[in-house]
Amino acid sequence: MRLDKFLKESRLIKRRTVAKEACDRGRILQNGKMAKAGSEVKPGDVLELAFGEKRVRVRVLDLIENAGKDRAREMYELME
């Protein structure tokens, strides 16, 4: 699954275009490297998202196509 689609489906970012812009601006790291919107995401990947001063680290658990609100949280786990 593409990174921008994963961010939208998991509801970490509200819209896919916003996810793409975040990737283009270097605000998303995938396994410690700057990620492009088209990068492939696999279970086990670690994503770091920069929201202003706040940084969020998550580990990808599952890739679910068309995940509803109730299933979106199953796609990742927060890391400290």
C-alpha atoms as a PDB file:
ATOM      1  CA  MET A   1       0.000   0.000   0.000  1.00  0.00           C
ATOM      2  CA  ARG A   2       1.258   3.500  -0.799  1.00  0.00           C
ATOM      3  CA  LEU A   3       2.331   5.617   2.173  1.00  0.00           C
ATOM      4  CA  ASP A   4      -0.119   8.456   1.467  1.00  0.00           C
ATOM      5  CA  LYS A   5      -3.002   5.973   1.227  1.00  0.00           C
ATOM      6  CA  PHE A   6      -1.932   4.236   4.459  1.00  0.00           C
ATOM      7  CA  LEU A   7      -1.866   7.562   6.327  1.00  0.00           C
ATOM      8  CA  LYS A   8      -5.395   8.332   5.128  1.00  0.00           C
ATOM      9  CA  GLU A   9      -6.846   4.851   5.696  1.00  0.00           C
ATOM     10  CA  SER A  10      -5.349   4.652   9.202  1.00  0.00           C
ATOM     11  CA  ARG A  11      -6.720   8.132   9.897  1.00  0.00           C
ATOM     12  CA  LEU A  12      -3.347   9.433  11.037  1.00  0.00           C
ATOM     13  CA  ILE A  13      -3.875  12.196   8.463  1.00  0.00           C
ATOM     14  CA  LYS A  14      -7.343  13.268   7.409  1.00  0.00           C
ATOM     15  CA  ARG A  15      -6.944  13.569   3.625  1.00  0.00           C
ATOM     16  CA  ARG A  16      -4.667  11.859   1.104  1.00  0.00           C
ATOM     17  CA  THR A  17      -3.618  15.168  -0.478  1.00  0.00           C
ATOM     18  CA  VAL A  18      -2.514  16.446   2.941  1.00  0.00           C
ATOM     19  CA  ALA A  19      -0.561  13.201   3.451  1.00  0.00           C
ATOM     20  CA  LYS A  20       1.164  13.707   0.089  1.00  0.00           C
ATOM     21  CA  GLU A  21       2.077  17.289   0.975  1.00  0.00           C
ATOM     22  CA  ALA A  22       3.505  16.162   4.329  1.00  0.00           C
ATOM     23  CA  CYS A  23       5.689  13.625   2.511  1.00  0.00           C
ATOM     24  CA  ASP A  24       6.816  16.223  -0.040  1.00  0.00           C
ATOM     25  CA  ARG A  25       7.833  18.585   2.783  1.00  0.00           C
ATOM     26  CA  GLY A  26       9.919  15.894   4.511  1.00  0.00           C
ATOM     27  CA  ARG A  27       7.653  15.572   7.553  1.00  0.00           C
ATOM     28  CA  ILE A  28       7.269  11.799   7.291  1.00  0.00           C
ATOM     29  CA  LEU A  29      10.095   9.352   7.987  1.00  0.00           C
ATOM     30  CA  GLN A  30       9.814   5.670   7.132  1.00  0.00           C
ATOM     31  CA  ASN A  31      12.299   3.458   8.982  1.00  0.00           C
ATOM     32  CA  GLY A  32      14.458   6.517   9.685  1.00  0.00           C
ATOM     33  CA  LYS A  33      14.580   7.781   6.093  1.00  0.00           C
ATOM     34  CA  MET A  34      12.598  10.547   4.399  1.00  0.00           C
ATOM     35  CA  ALA A  35       9.655   8.941   2.657  1.00  0.00           C
ATOM     36  CA  LYS A  36       7.898   9.742  -0.593  1.00  0.00           C
ATOM     37  CA  ALA A  37       4.127   9.554  -0.944  1.00  0.00           C
ATOM     38  CA  GLY A  38       4.456   6.558  -3.276  1.00  0.00           C
ATOM     39  CA  SER A  39       6.707   4.547  -0.953  1.00  0.00           C
ATOM     40  CA  GLU A  40       5.402   1.065  -0.216  1.00  0.00           C
ATOM     41  CA  VAL A  41       4.398   0.471   3.408  1.00  0.00           C
ATOM     42  CA  LYS A  42       4.745  -3.014   4.914  1.00  0.00           C
ATOM     43  CA  PRO A  43       3.783  -4.407   8.330  1.00  0.00           C
ATOM     44  CA  GLY A  44       6.656  -3.795  10.737  1.00  0.00           C
ATOM     45  CA  ASP A  45       7.657  -0.431   9.242  1.00  0.00           C
ATOM     46  CA  VAL A  46       8.181   2.429  11.695  1.00  0.00           C
ATOM     47  CA  LEU A  47       6.752   5.797  10.648  1.00  0.00           C
ATOM     48  CA  GLU A  48       7.593   9.141  12.259  1.00  0.00           C
ATOM     49  CA  LEU A  49       5.193  12.002  11.609  1.00  0.00           C
ATOM     50  CA  ALA A  50       6.030  15.608  12.453  1.00  0.00           C
ATOM     51  CA  PHE A  51       3.008  17.748  13.320  1.00  0.00           C
ATOM     52  CA  GLY A  52       4.568  21.129  14.119  1.00  0.00           C
ATOM     53  CA  GLU A  53       6.487  20.621  17.372  1.00  0.00           C
ATOM     54  CA  LYS A  54       4.857  17.253  18.048  1.00  0.00           C
ATOM     55  CA  ARG A  55       6.360  14.022  16.717  1.00  0.00           C
ATOM     56  CA  VAL A  56       4.395  10.774  16.529  1.00  0.00           C
ATOM     57  CA  ARG A  57       6.030   7.359  16.053  1.00  0.00           C
ATOM     58  CA  VAL A  58       3.931   4.402  14.982  1.00  0.00           C
ATOM     59  CA  ARG A  59       4.624   0.821  13.935  1.00  0.00           C
ATOM     60  CA  VAL A  60       2.576  -0.518  11.037  1.00  0.00           C
ATOM     61  CA  LEU A  61       0.663  -3.644  12.101  1.00  0.00           C
ATOM     62  CA  ASP A  62      -1.695  -4.337   9.210  1.00  0.00           C
ATOM     63  CA  LEU A  63      -2.740  -2.985   5.824  1.00  0.00           C
ATOM     64  CA  ILE A  64      -6.519  -2.784   5.538  1.00  0.00           C
ATOM     65  CA  GLU A  65      -8.137  -1.491   2.358  1.00  0.00           C
ATOM     66  CA  ASN A  66     -11.140   0.776   3.014  1.00  0.00           C
ATOM     67  CA  ALA A  67     -10.791   0.557   6.790  1.00  0.00           C
ATOM     68  CA  GLY A  68     -13.715   2.046   8.632  1.00  0.00           C
ATOM     69  CA  LYS A  69     -13.371   4.243  11.687  1.00  0.00           C
ATOM     70  CA  ASP A  70     -13.584   1.234  14.014  1.00  0.00           C
ATOM     71  CA  ARG A  71     -10.864  -0.740  12.171  1.00  0.00           C
ATOM     72  CA  ALA A  72      -8.441   2.112  11.400  1.00  0.00           C
ATOM     73  CA  ARG A  73      -6.797   1.900  14.842  1.00  0.00           C
ATOM     74  CA  GLU A  74      -5.907  -1.754  14.174  1.00  0.00           C
ATOM     75  CA  MET A  75      -3.529  -0.685  11.402  1.00  0.00           C
ATOM     76  CA  TYR A  76      -0.823   0.730  13.710  1.00  0.00           C
ATOM     77  CA  GLU A  77       0.452   0.953  17.272  1.00  0.00           C
ATOM     78  CA  LEU A  78       1.853   4.063  18.941  1.00  0.00           C
ATOM     79  CA  MET A  79       5.478   3.892  20.064  1.00  0.00           C
ATOM     80  CA  GLU A  80       7.213   5.892  22.789  1.00  0.00           C
END
